[in-house]
Amino acid sequence: GSLRLSCAASTSILSIYTMGWFRQAPG
């Protein structure tokens, strides 16, 4: 299946910094 995740930022940072998606599985 598929999902689309979103990350809303409080300020305009996306054009300034490298941004990433991270994940953490149990353990």
PDB file of all heavy atoms in Angstrom:
ATOM      1  N   GLY A   1       0.798  -1.214   0.000  1.00  0.00           N
ATOM      2  CA  GLY A   1       0.000   0.000   0.000  1.00  0.00           C
ATOM      3  C   GLY A   1       0.833   1.267   0.000  1.00  0.00           C
ATOM      4  O   GLY A   1       2.071   1.219  -0.032  1.00  0.00           O
ATOM      5  N   SER A   2       0.133   2.391   0.062  1.00  0.00           N
ATOM      6  CA  SER A   2       0.790   3.695  -0.003  1.00  0.00           C
ATOM      7  C   SER A   2       0.273   4.621   1.082  1.00  0.00           C
ATOM      8  O   SER A   2      -0.871   4.490   1.535  1.00  0.00           O
ATOM      9  CB  SER A   2       0.533   4.347  -1.365  1.00  0.00           C
ATOM     10  OG  SER A   2       1.058   3.581  -2.426  1.00  0.00           O
ATOM     11  N   LEU A   3       1.127   5.549   1.472  1.00  0.00           N
ATOM     12  CA  LEU A   3       0.766   6.624   2.379  1.00  0.00           C
ATOM     13  C   LEU A   3       1.526   7.869   1.963  1.00  0.00           C
ATOM     14  O   LEU A   3       2.628   7.770   1.409  1.00  0.00           O
ATOM     15  CB  LEU A   3       1.130   6.288   3.827  1.00  0.00           C
ATOM     16  CG  LEU A   3       0.264   5.288   4.589  1.00  0.00           C
ATOM     17  CD1 LEU A   3       0.917   4.973   5.940  1.00  0.00           C
ATOM     18  CD2 LEU A   3      -1.140   5.816   4.798  1.00  0.00           C
ATOM     19  N   ARG A   4       0.971   9.031   2.281  1.00  0.00           N
ATOM     20  CA  ARG A   4       1.699  10.278   2.096  1.00  0.00           C
ATOM     21  C   ARG A   4       1.771  10.995   3.435  1.00  0.00           C
ATOM     22  O   ARG A   4       0.743  11.346   4.018  1.00  0.00           O
ATOM     23  CB  ARG A   4       1.065  11.192   1.050  1.00  0.00           C
ATOM     24  CG  ARG A   4       1.971  12.397   0.747  1.00  0.00           C
ATOM     25  CD  ARG A   4       1.443  13.283  -0.360  1.00  0.00           C
ATOM     26  NE  ARG A   4       0.455  14.231   0.117  1.00  0.00           N
ATOM     27  CZ  ARG A   4       0.225  15.410  -0.444  1.00  0.00           C
ATOM     28  NH1 ARG A   4       0.936  15.791  -1.505  1.00  0.00           N
ATOM     29  NH2 ARG A   4      -0.703  16.210   0.021  1.00  0.00           N
ATOM     30  N   LEU A   5       2.971  11.201   3.900  1.00  0.00           N
ATOM     31  CA  LEU A   5       3.201  11.913   5.144  1.00  0.00           C
ATOM     32  C   LEU A   5       3.406  13.402   4.865  1.00  0.00           C
ATOM     33  O   LEU A   5       3.942  13.775   3.826  1.00  0.00           O
ATOM     34  CB  LEU A   5       4.421  11.361   5.873  1.00  0.00           C
ATOM     35  CG  LEU A   5       4.446   9.855   6.131  1.00  0.00           C
ATOM     36  CD1 LEU A   5       5.691   9.494   6.947  1.00  0.00           C
ATOM     37  CD2 LEU A   5       3.194   9.396   6.819  1.00  0.00           C
ATOM     38  N   SER A   6       2.990  14.216   5.818  1.00  0.00           N
ATOM     39  CA  SER A   6       3.185  15.664   5.730  1.00  0.00           C
ATOM     40  C   SER A   6       3.889  16.161   6.983  1.00  0.00           C
ATOM     41  O   SER A   6       3.696  15.612   8.075  1.00  0.00           O
ATOM     42  CB  SER A   6       1.840  16.386   5.587  1.00  0.00           C
ATOM     43  OG  SER A   6       1.166  16.008   4.413  1.00  0.00           O
ATOM     44  N   CYS A   7       4.670  17.195   6.812  1.00  0.00           N
ATOM     45  CA  CYS A   7       5.358  17.841   7.927  1.00  0.00           C
ATOM     46  C   CYS A   7       5.162  19.340   7.775  1.00  0.00           C
ATOM     47  O   CYS A   7       5.702  19.945   6.841  1.00  0.00           O
ATOM     48  CB  CYS A   7       6.831  17.483   7.912  1.00  0.00           C
ATOM     49  SG  CYS A   7       7.858  18.483   9.018  1.00  0.00           S
ATOM     50  N   ALA A   8       4.383  19.908   8.675  1.00  0.00           N
ATOM     51  CA  ALA A   8       4.120  21.344   8.645  1.00  0.00           C
ATOM     52  C   ALA A   8       5.119  22.065   9.538  1.00  0.00           C
ATOM     53  O   ALA A   8       5.279  21.710  10.713  1.00  0.00           O
ATOM     54  CB  ALA A   8       2.696  21.612   9.105  1.00  0.00           C
ATOM     55  N   ALA A   9       5.777  23.063   8.971  1.00  0.00           N
ATOM     56  CA  ALA A   9       6.756  23.847   9.725  1.00  0.00           C
ATOM     57  C   ALA A   9       6.148  25.186  10.132  1.00  0.00           C
ATOM     58  O   ALA A   9       5.315  25.747   9.407  1.00  0.00           O
ATOM     59  CB  ALA A   9       8.005  24.086   8.887  1.00  0.00           C
ATOM     60  N   SER A  10       6.596  25.680  11.265  1.00  0.00           N
ATOM     61  CA  SER A  10       6.031  26.924  11.783  1.00  0.00           C
ATOM     62  C   SER A  10       6.614  28.156  11.109  1.00  0.00           C
ATOM     63  O   SER A  10       6.062  29.244  11.197  1.00  0.00           O
ATOM     64  CB  SER A  10       6.261  27.024  13.293  1.00  0.00           C
ATOM     65  OG  SER A  10       7.641  26.961  13.600  1.00  0.00           O
ATOM     66  N   THR A  11       7.736  27.973  10.443  1.00  0.00           N
ATOM     67  CA  THR A  11       8.354  29.106   9.755  1.00  0.00           C
ATOM     68  C   THR A  11       8.823  28.676   8.370  1.00  0.00           C
ATOM     69  O   THR A  11       8.823  27.483   8.051  1.00  0.00           O
ATOM     70  CB  THR A  11       9.569  29.635  10.543  1.00  0.00           C
ATOM     71  OG1 THR A  11      10.558  28.601  10.608  1.00  0.00           O
ATOM     72  CG2 THR A  11       9.188  30.047  11.943  1.00  0.00           C
ATOM     73  N   SER A  12       9.216  29.629   7.572  1.00  0.00           N
ATOM     74  CA  SER A  12       9.659  29.326   6.207  1.00  0.00           C
ATOM     75  C   SER A  12      11.113  28.878   6.225  1.00  0.00           C
ATOM     76  O   SER A  12      12.025  29.684   6.099  1.00  0.00           O
ATOM     77  CB  SER A  12       9.490  30.572   5.331  1.00  0.00           C
ATOM     78  OG  SER A  12       8.138  30.951   5.267  1.00  0.00           O
ATOM     79  N   ILE A  13      11.293  27.581   6.382  1.00  0.00           N
ATOM     80  CA  ILE A  13      12.643  27.021   6.480  1.00  0.00           C
ATOM     81  C   ILE A  13      13.017  26.127   5.312  1.00  0.00           C
ATOM     82  O   ILE A  13      14.185  25.802   5.128  1.00  0.00           O
ATOM     83  CB  ILE A  13      12.796  26.199   7.780  1.00  0.00           C
ATOM     84  CG1 ILE A  13      11.760  25.071   7.808  1.00  0.00           C
ATOM     85  CG2 ILE A  13      12.684  27.107   8.997  1.00  0.00           C
ATOM     86  CD1 ILE A  13      11.935  24.115   8.962  1.00  0.00           C
ATOM     87  N   LEU A  14      12.006  25.736   4.528  1.00  0.00           N
ATOM     88  CA  LEU A  14      12.257  24.710   3.521  1.00  0.00           C
ATOM     89  C   LEU A  14      13.170  25.209   2.403  1.00  0.00           C
ATOM     90  O   LEU A  14      13.818  24.399   1.744  1.00  0.00           O
ATOM     91  CB  LEU A  14      10.936  24.210   2.942  1.00  0.00           C
ATOM     92  CG  LEU A  14       9.963  23.599   3.952  1.00  0.00           C
ATOM     93  CD1 LEU A  14       8.739  23.062   3.241  1.00  0.00           C
ATOM     94  CD2 LEU A  14      10.630  22.512   4.774  1.00  0.00           C
ATOM     95  N   SER A  15      13.198  26.511   2.176  1.00  0.00           N
ATOM     96  CA  SER A  15      14.048  27.054   1.121  1.00  0.00           C
ATOM     97  C   SER A  15      15.422  27.448   1.647  1.00  0.00           C
ATOM     98  O   SER A  15      16.239  27.981   0.902  1.00  0.00           O
ATOM     99  CB  SER A  15      13.378  28.273   0.481  1.00  0.00           C
ATOM    100  OG  SER A  15      13.169  29.277   1.450  1.00  0.00           O
ATOM    101  N   ILE A  16      15.651  27.173   2.931  1.00  0.00           N
ATOM    102  CA  ILE A  16      16.915  27.565   3.557  1.00  0.00           C
ATOM    103  C   ILE A  16      17.762  26.357   3.913  1.00  0.00           C
ATOM    104  O   ILE A  16      18.972  26.338   3.659  1.00  0.00           O
ATOM    105  CB  ILE A  16      16.647  28.393   4.825  1.00  0.00           C
ATOM    106  CG1 ILE A  16      15.839  29.653   4.486  1.00  0.00           C
ATOM    107  CG2 ILE A  16      17.968  28.763   5.505  1.00  0.00           C
ATOM    108  CD1 ILE A  16      15.417  30.438   5.705  1.00  0.00           C
ATOM    109  N   TYR A  17      17.122  25.358   4.499  1.00  0.00           N
ATOM    110  CA  TYR A  17      17.855  24.224   5.039  1.00  0.00           C
ATOM    111  C   TYR A  17      17.580  22.938   4.265  1.00  0.00           C
ATOM    112  O   TYR A  17      16.521  22.764   3.683  1.00  0.00           O
ATOM    113  CB  TYR A  17      17.448  23.982   6.492  1.00  0.00           C
ATOM    114  CG  TYR A  17      17.679  25.154   7.405  1.00  0.00           C
ATOM    115  CD1 TYR A  17      16.610  25.830   7.986  1.00  0.00           C
ATOM    116  CD2 TYR A  17      18.966  25.595   7.697  1.00  0.00           C
ATOM    117  CE1 TYR A  17      16.811  26.902   8.834  1.00  0.00           C
ATOM    118  CE2 TYR A  17      19.170  26.669   8.542  1.00  0.00           C
ATOM    119  CZ  TYR A  17      18.094  27.314   9.098  1.00  0.00           C
ATOM    120  OH  TYR A  17      18.299  28.384   9.929  1.00  0.00           O
ATOM    121  N   THR A  18      18.521  22.033   4.345  1.00  0.00           N
ATOM    122  CA  THR A  18      18.260  20.660   3.929  1.00  0.00           C
ATOM    123  C   THR A  18      17.359  20.026   4.974  1.00  0.00           C
ATOM    124  O   THR A  18      17.641  20.097   6.176  1.00  0.00           O
ATOM    125  CB  THR A  18      19.571  19.868   3.817  1.00  0.00           C
ATOM    126  OG1 THR A  18      20.333  20.389   2.721  1.00  0.00           O
ATOM    127  CG2 THR A  18      19.300  18.394   3.575  1.00  0.00           C
ATOM    128  N   MET A  19      16.271  19.428   4.524  1.00  0.00           N
ATOM    129  CA  MET A  19      15.315  18.812   5.422  1.00  0.00           C
ATOM    130  C   MET A  19      15.266  17.311   5.165  1.00  0.00           C
ATOM    131  O   MET A  19      15.533  16.856   4.048  1.00  0.00           O
ATOM    132  CB  MET A  19      13.924  19.402   5.223  1.00  0.00           C
ATOM    133  CG  MET A  19      13.823  20.866   5.571  1.00  0.00           C
ATOM    134  SD  MET A  19      14.063  21.195   7.335  1.00  0.00           S
ATOM    135  CE  MET A  19      12.634  20.360   8.040  1.00  0.00           C
ATOM    136  N   GLY A  20      14.903  16.582   6.194  1.00  0.00           N
ATOM    137  CA  GLY A  20      14.871  15.136   6.046  1.00  0.00           C
ATOM    138  C   GLY A  20      13.695  14.491   6.739  1.00  0.00           C
ATOM    139  O   GLY A  20      13.098  15.067   7.649  1.00  0.00           O
ATOM    140  N   TRP A  21      13.383  13.306   6.288  1.00  0.00           N
ATOM    141  CA  TRP A  21      12.453  12.409   6.971  1.00  0.00           C
ATOM    142  C   TRP A  21      13.282  11.316   7.647  1.00  0.00           C
ATOM    143  O   TRP A  21      14.156  10.715   7.014  1.00  0.00           O
ATOM    144  CB  TRP A  21      11.468  11.790   6.004  1.00  0.00           C
ATOM    145  CG  TRP A  21      10.334  12.694   5.637  1.00  0.00           C
ATOM    146  CD1 TRP A  21      10.212  13.445   4.511  1.00  0.00           C
ATOM    147  CD2 TRP A  21       9.153  12.942   6.409  1.00  0.00           C
ATOM    148  NE1 TRP A  21       9.030  14.152   4.533  1.00  0.00           N
ATOM    149  CE2 TRP A  21       8.365  13.854   5.689  1.00  0.00           C
ATOM    150  CE3 TRP A  21       8.681  12.478   7.637  1.00  0.00           C
ATOM    151  CZ2 TRP A  21       7.128  14.318   6.151  1.00  0.00           C
ATOM    152  CZ3 TRP A  21       7.460  12.929   8.111  1.00  0.00           C
ATOM    153  CH2 TRP A  21       6.695  13.843   7.370  1.00  0.00           C
ATOM    154  N   PHE A  22      12.969  11.084   8.899  1.00  0.00           N
ATOM    155  CA  PHE A  22      13.644  10.086   9.701  1.00  0.00           C
ATOM    156  C   PHE A  22      12.596   9.084  10.198  1.00  0.00           C
ATOM    157  O   PHE A  22      11.412   9.386  10.247  1.00  0.00           O
ATOM    158  CB  PHE A  22      14.319  10.732  10.913  1.00  0.00           C
ATOM    159  CG  PHE A  22      15.336  11.782  10.559  1.00  0.00           C
ATOM    160  CD1 PHE A  22      14.939  13.068  10.184  1.00  0.00           C
ATOM    161  CD2 PHE A  22      16.699  11.498  10.616  1.00  0.00           C
ATOM    162  CE1 PHE A  22      15.878  14.044   9.862  1.00  0.00           C
ATOM    163  CE2 PHE A  22      17.633  12.476  10.301  1.00  0.00           C
ATOM    164  CZ  PHE A  22      17.218  13.738   9.919  1.00  0.00           C
ATOM    165  N   ARG A  23      13.057   7.916  10.589  1.00  0.00           N
ATOM    166  CA  ARG A  23      12.131   6.963  11.191  1.00  0.00           C
ATOM    167  C   ARG A  23      12.835   6.198  12.295  1.00  0.00           C
ATOM    168  O   ARG A  23      14.058   6.043  12.284  1.00  0.00           O
ATOM    169  CB  ARG A  23      11.572   5.997  10.150  1.00  0.00           C
ATOM    170  CG  ARG A  23      12.573   5.021   9.565  1.00  0.00           C
ATOM    171  CD  ARG A  23      11.920   4.194   8.466  1.00  0.00           C
ATOM    172  NE  ARG A  23      12.846   3.223   7.886  1.00  0.00           N
ATOM    173  CZ  ARG A  23      12.558   2.491   6.809  1.00  0.00           C
ATOM    174  NH1 ARG A  23      11.374   2.624   6.200  1.00  0.00           N
ATOM    175  NH2 ARG A  23      13.446   1.642   6.347  1.00  0.00           N
ATOM    176  N   GLN A  24      12.026   5.761  13.246  1.00  0.00           N
ATOM    177  CA  GLN A  24      12.550   4.977  14.355  1.00  0.00           C
ATOM    178  C   GLN A  24      11.603   3.822  14.634  1.00  0.00           C
ATOM    179  O   GLN A  24      10.447   4.028  14.997  1.00  0.00           O
ATOM    180  CB  GLN A  24      12.725   5.834  15.600  1.00  0.00           C
ATOM    181  CG  GLN A  24      13.422   5.113  16.737  1.00  0.00           C
ATOM    182  CD  GLN A  24      13.866   6.051  17.842  1.00  0.00           C
ATOM    183  OE1 GLN A  24      13.362   7.168  17.980  1.00  0.00           O
ATOM    184  NE2 GLN A  24      14.824   5.612  18.642  1.00  0.00           N
ATOM    185  N   ALA A  25      12.121   2.627  14.432  1.00  0.00           N
ATOM    186  CA  ALA A  25      11.377   1.416  14.738  1.00  0.00           C
ATOM    187  C   ALA A  25      11.678   1.002  16.175  1.00  0.00           C
ATOM    188  O   ALA A  25      12.722   1.366  16.727  1.00  0.00           O
ATOM    189  CB  ALA A  25      11.766   0.311  13.767  1.00  0.00           C
ATOM    190  N   PRO A  26      10.778   0.235  16.785  1.00  0.00           N
ATOM    191  CA  PRO A  26      11.015  -0.193  18.176  1.00  0.00           C
ATOM    192  C   PRO A  26      12.351  -0.892  18.338  1.00  0.00           C
ATOM    193  O   PRO A  26      12.692  -1.790  17.557  1.00  0.00           O
ATOM    194  CB  PRO A  26       9.853  -1.153  18.427  1.00  0.00           C
ATOM    195  CG  PRO A  26       8.774  -0.694  17.512  1.00  0.00           C
ATOM    196  CD  PRO A  26       9.493  -0.221  16.274  1.00  0.00           C
ATOM    197  N   GLY A  27      13.115  -0.444  19.309  1.00  0.00           N
ATOM    198  CA  GLY A  27      14.390  -1.069  19.593  1.00  0.00           C
ATOM    199  C   GLY A  27      15.518  -0.703  18.658  1.00  0.00           C
ATOM    200  O   GLY A  27      16.620  -1.248  18.765  1.00  0.00           O
TER     201      GLY A  27
END
